[in-house]
Amino acid sequence: MEAARSYLKSMGVELGKASRETWDQEKDRVGRAWVSTQDAYSKVKSSTTS
């Protein structure tokens, strides 16, 4: 969970540096990082509530 969260935060920084030419690519990377973080959260949640 922490690794996914950290990666998501770093992607936010990278998105802030994106140029017009790289915006779509960086936006997609942030989207994938968000999904990864949600998946990690779900795994943690299910392991603590089971």
PDB file of N, CA and C in Angstrom:
ATOM      1  N   MET A   1       0.829  -1.181   0.000  1.00  0.00           N
ATOM      2  CA  MET A   1       0.000   0.000   0.000  1.00  0.00           C
ATOM      3  C   MET A   1       0.879   1.253   0.000  1.00  0.00           C
ATOM      4  N   GLU A   2       1.877   1.277   0.871  1.00  0.00           N
ATOM      5  CA  GLU A   2       2.742   2.454   0.947  1.00  0.00           C
ATOM      6  C   GLU A   2       3.499   2.684  -0.362  1.00  0.00           C
ATOM      7  N   ALA A   3       3.962   1.610  -0.985  1.00  0.00           N
ATOM      8  CA  ALA A   3       4.695   1.755  -2.247  1.00  0.00           C
ATOM      9  C   ALA A   3       3.791   2.327  -3.331  1.00  0.00           C
ATOM     10  N   ALA A   4       2.560   1.832  -3.406  1.00  0.00           N
ATOM     11  CA  ALA A   4       1.620   2.325  -4.406  1.00  0.00           C
ATOM     12  C   ALA A   4       1.282   3.786  -4.147  1.00  0.00           C
ATOM     13  N   ARG A   5       1.104   4.133  -2.901  1.00  0.00           N
ATOM     14  CA  ARG A   5       0.778   5.514  -2.534  1.00  0.00           C
ATOM     15  C   ARG A   5       1.947   6.447  -2.856  1.00  0.00           C
ATOM     16  N   SER A   6       3.133   6.021  -2.544  1.00  0.00           N
ATOM     17  CA  SER A   6       4.318   6.819  -2.831  1.00  0.00           C
ATOM     18  C   SER A   6       4.486   7.030  -4.332  1.00  0.00           C
ATOM     19  N   TYR A   7       4.266   5.973  -5.097  1.00  0.00           N
ATOM     20  CA  TYR A   7       4.375   6.075  -6.549  1.00  0.00           C
ATOM     21  C   TYR A   7       3.330   7.047  -7.093  1.00  0.00           C
ATOM     22  N   LEU A   8       2.118   6.979  -6.568  1.00  0.00           N
ATOM     23  CA  LEU A   8       1.065   7.889  -7.010  1.00  0.00           C
ATOM     24  C   LEU A   8       1.466   9.339  -6.738  1.00  0.00           C
ATOM     25  N   LYS A   9       2.009   9.586  -5.564  1.00  0.00           N
ATOM     26  CA  LYS A   9       2.435  10.942  -5.230  1.00  0.00           C
ATOM     27  C   LYS A   9       3.535  11.423  -6.179  1.00  0.00           C
ATOM     28  N   SER A  10       4.468  10.547  -6.496  1.00  0.00           N
ATOM     29  CA  SER A  10       5.550  10.947  -7.402  1.00  0.00           C
ATOM     30  C   SER A  10       5.019  11.205  -8.808  1.00  0.00           C
ATOM     31  N   MET A  11       4.003  10.473  -9.205  1.00  0.00           N
ATOM     32  CA  MET A  11       3.408  10.695 -10.517  1.00  0.00           C
ATOM     33  C   MET A  11       2.717  12.054 -10.568  1.00  0.00           C
ATOM     34  N   GLY A  12       2.151  12.479  -9.458  1.00  0.00           N
ATOM     35  CA  GLY A  12       1.548  13.805  -9.406  1.00  0.00           C
ATOM     36  C   GLY A  12       2.577  14.893  -9.646  1.00  0.00           C
ATOM     37  N   VAL A  13       3.750  14.714  -9.088  1.00  0.00           N
ATOM     38  CA  VAL A  13       4.847  15.671  -9.298  1.00  0.00           C
ATOM     39  C   VAL A  13       5.252  15.671 -10.771  1.00  0.00           C
ATOM     40  N   GLU A  14       5.376  14.486 -11.334  1.00  0.00           N
ATOM     41  CA  GLU A  14       5.759  14.381 -12.746  1.00  0.00           C
ATOM     42  C   GLU A  14       4.701  15.018 -13.647  1.00  0.00           C
ATOM     43  N   LEU A  15       3.448  14.842 -13.302  1.00  0.00           N
ATOM     44  CA  LEU A  15       2.379  15.428 -14.096  1.00  0.00           C
ATOM     45  C   LEU A  15       2.481  16.948 -14.081  1.00  0.00           C
ATOM     46  N   GLY A  16       2.881  17.491 -12.951  1.00  0.00           N
ATOM     47  CA  GLY A  16       3.066  18.929 -12.860  1.00  0.00           C
ATOM     48  C   GLY A  16       4.173  19.460 -13.759  1.00  0.00           C
ATOM     49  N   LYS A  17       5.090  18.604 -14.127  1.00  0.00           N
ATOM     50  CA  LYS A  17       6.201  18.987 -15.002  1.00  0.00           C
ATOM     51  C   LYS A  17       5.919  18.699 -16.480  1.00  0.00           C
ATOM     52  N   ALA A  18       4.790  18.087 -16.761  1.00  0.00           N
ATOM     53  CA  ALA A  18       4.490  17.648 -18.126  1.00  0.00           C
ATOM     54  C   ALA A  18       4.354  18.841 -19.068  1.00  0.00           C
ATOM     55  N   SER A  19       4.844  18.631 -20.255  1.00  0.00           N
ATOM     56  CA  SER A  19       4.688  19.637 -21.301  1.00  0.00           C
ATOM     57  C   SER A  19       3.421  19.312 -22.089  1.00  0.00           C
ATOM     58  N   ARG A  20       3.079  20.185 -22.968  1.00  0.00           N
ATOM     59  CA  ARG A  20       1.913  19.945 -23.814  1.00  0.00           C
ATOM     60  C   ARG A  20       2.074  18.639 -24.591  1.00  0.00           C
ATOM     61  N   GLU A  21       3.306  18.346 -25.001  1.00  0.00           N
ATOM     62  CA  GLU A  21       3.565  17.156 -25.801  1.00  0.00           C
ATOM     63  C   GLU A  21       3.485  15.871 -24.985  1.00  0.00           C
ATOM     64  N   THR A  22       3.788  15.940 -23.711  1.00  0.00           N
ATOM     65  CA  THR A  22       3.812  14.725 -22.884  1.00  0.00           C
ATOM     66  C   THR A  22       2.604  14.597 -21.956  1.00  0.00           C
ATOM     67  N   TRP A  23       1.692  15.569 -22.003  1.00  0.00           N
ATOM     68  CA  TRP A  23       0.558  15.596 -21.075  1.00  0.00           C
ATOM     69  C   TRP A  23      -0.254  14.300 -21.089  1.00  0.00           C
ATOM     70  N   ASP A  24      -0.685  13.850 -22.268  1.00  0.00           N
ATOM     71  CA  ASP A  24      -1.523  12.650 -22.348  1.00  0.00           C
ATOM     72  C   ASP A  24      -0.808  11.419 -21.798  1.00  0.00           C
ATOM     73  N   GLN A  25       0.462  11.276 -22.126  1.00  0.00           N
ATOM     74  CA  GLN A  25       1.235  10.129 -21.639  1.00  0.00           C
ATOM     75  C   GLN A  25       1.347  10.170 -20.114  1.00  0.00           C
ATOM     76  N   GLU A  26       1.666  11.329 -19.568  1.00  0.00           N
ATOM     77  CA  GLU A  26       1.797  11.452 -18.114  1.00  0.00           C
ATOM     78  C   GLU A  26       0.442  11.264 -17.426  1.00  0.00           C
ATOM     79  N   LYS A  27      -0.604  11.785 -18.017  1.00  0.00           N
ATOM     80  CA  LYS A  27      -1.949  11.624 -17.455  1.00  0.00           C
ATOM     81  C   LYS A  27      -2.322  10.144 -17.381  1.00  0.00           C
ATOM     82  N   ASP A  28      -1.989   9.392 -18.401  1.00  0.00           N
ATOM     83  CA  ASP A  28      -2.257   7.950 -18.403  1.00  0.00           C
ATOM     84  C   ASP A  28      -1.460   7.248 -17.307  1.00  0.00           C
ATOM     85  N   ARG A  29      -0.219   7.654 -17.122  1.00  0.00           N
ATOM     86  CA  ARG A  29       0.617   7.052 -16.071  1.00  0.00           C
ATOM     87  C   ARG A  29       0.028   7.323 -14.690  1.00  0.00           C
ATOM     88  N   VAL A  30      -0.452   8.538 -14.472  1.00  0.00           N
ATOM     89  CA  VAL A  30      -1.089   8.869 -13.192  1.00  0.00           C
ATOM     90  C   VAL A  30      -2.352   8.029 -13.006  1.00  0.00           C
ATOM     91  N   GLY A  31      -3.110   7.852 -14.066  1.00  0.00           N
ATOM     92  CA  GLY A  31      -4.312   7.026 -13.997  1.00  0.00           C
ATOM     93  C   GLY A  31      -3.991   5.591 -13.601  1.00  0.00           C
ATOM     94  N   ARG A  32      -2.946   5.041 -14.164  1.00  0.00           N
ATOM     95  CA  ARG A  32      -2.546   3.677 -13.805  1.00  0.00           C
ATOM     96  C   ARG A  32      -2.056   3.616 -12.364  1.00  0.00           C
ATOM     97  N   ALA A  33      -1.346   4.649 -11.927  1.00  0.00           N
ATOM     98  CA  ALA A  33      -0.874   4.691 -10.540  1.00  0.00           C
ATOM     99  C   ALA A  33      -2.060   4.777  -9.583  1.00  0.00           C
ATOM    100  N   TRP A  34      -3.094   5.525  -9.958  1.00  0.00           N
ATOM    101  CA  TRP A  34      -4.305   5.643  -9.131  1.00  0.00           C
ATOM    102  C   TRP A  34      -4.987   4.285  -8.998  1.00  0.00           C
ATOM    103  N   VAL A  35      -5.134   3.584 -10.098  1.00  0.00           N
ATOM    104  CA  VAL A  35      -5.759   2.253 -10.069  1.00  0.00           C
ATOM    105  C   VAL A  35      -4.945   1.303  -9.207  1.00  0.00           C
ATOM    106  N   SER A  36      -3.630   1.351  -9.336  1.00  0.00           N
ATOM    107  CA  SER A  36      -2.752   0.503  -8.530  1.00  0.00           C
ATOM    108  C   SER A  36      -2.922   0.800  -7.046  1.00  0.00           C
ATOM    109  N   THR A  37      -3.028   2.069  -6.706  1.00  0.00           N
ATOM    110  CA  THR A  37      -3.217   2.455  -5.314  1.00  0.00           C
ATOM    111  C   THR A  37      -4.564   1.972  -4.800  1.00  0.00           C
ATOM    112  N   GLN A  38      -5.597   2.087  -5.600  1.00  0.00           N
ATOM    113  CA  GLN A  38      -6.924   1.598  -5.203  1.00  0.00           C
ATOM    114  C   GLN A  38      -6.896   0.088  -4.995  1.00  0.00           C
ATOM    115  N   ASP A  39      -6.220  -0.634  -5.885  1.00  0.00           N
ATOM    116  CA  ASP A  39      -6.112  -2.088  -5.742  1.00  0.00           C
ATOM    117  C   ASP A  39      -5.381  -2.458  -4.456  1.00  0.00           C
ATOM    118  N   ALA A  40      -4.295  -1.751  -4.177  1.00  0.00           N
ATOM    119  CA  ALA A  40      -3.530  -2.026  -2.958  1.00  0.00           C
ATOM    120  C   ALA A  40      -4.383  -1.750  -1.725  1.00  0.00           C
ATOM    121  N   TYR A  41      -5.139  -0.675  -1.740  1.00  0.00           N
ATOM    122  CA  TYR A  41      -6.024  -0.342  -0.626  1.00  0.00           C
ATOM    123  C   TYR A  41      -7.062  -1.440  -0.421  1.00  0.00           C
ATOM    124  N   SER A  42      -7.638  -1.900  -1.515  1.00  0.00           N
ATOM    125  CA  SER A  42      -8.655  -2.955  -1.436  1.00  0.00           C
ATOM    126  C   SER A  42      -8.069  -4.226  -0.816  1.00  0.00           C
ATOM    127  N   LYS A  43      -6.847  -4.557  -1.190  1.00  0.00           N
ATOM    128  CA  LYS A  43      -6.196  -5.750  -0.641  1.00  0.00           C
ATOM    129  C   LYS A  43      -5.956  -5.594   0.847  1.00  0.00           C
ATOM    130  N   VAL A  44      -5.498  -4.415   1.263  1.00  0.00           N
ATOM    131  CA  VAL A  44      -5.268  -4.167   2.683  1.00  0.00           C
ATOM    132  C   VAL A  44      -6.588  -4.218   3.437  1.00  0.00           C
ATOM    133  N   LYS A  45      -7.588  -3.590   2.898  1.00  0.00           N
ATOM    134  CA  LYS A  45      -8.890  -3.552   3.549  1.00  0.00           C
ATOM    135  C   LYS A  45      -9.477  -4.958   3.708  1.00  0.00           C
ATOM    136  N   SER A  46      -9.383  -5.752   2.646  1.00  0.00           N
ATOM    137  CA  SER A  46      -9.954  -7.101   2.719  1.00  0.00           C
ATOM    138  C   SER A  46      -9.149  -7.990   3.676  1.00  0.00           C
ATOM    139  N   SER A  47      -7.863  -7.744   3.779  1.00  0.00           N
ATOM    140  CA  SER A  47      -7.051  -8.582   4.670  1.00  0.00           C
ATOM    141  C   SER A  47      -7.275  -8.215   6.132  1.00  0.00           C
ATOM    142  N   THR A  48      -7.700  -7.005   6.409  1.00  0.00           N
ATOM    143  CA  THR A  48      -7.928  -6.602   7.798  1.00  0.00           C
ATOM    144  C   THR A  48      -9.361  -6.804   8.238  1.00  0.00           C
ATOM    145  N   THR A  49     -10.265  -7.010   7.281  1.00  0.00           N
ATOM    146  CA  THR A  49     -11.664  -7.217   7.644  1.00  0.00           C
ATOM    147  C   THR A  49     -12.091  -8.671   7.501  1.00  0.00           C
ATOM    148  N   SER A  50     -11.199  -9.511   7.044  1.00  0.00           N
ATOM    149  CA  SER A  50     -11.547 -10.937   6.864  1.00  0.00           C
ATOM    150  C   SER A  50     -11.330 -11.728   8.135  1.00  0.00           C
TER     151      SER A  50
END
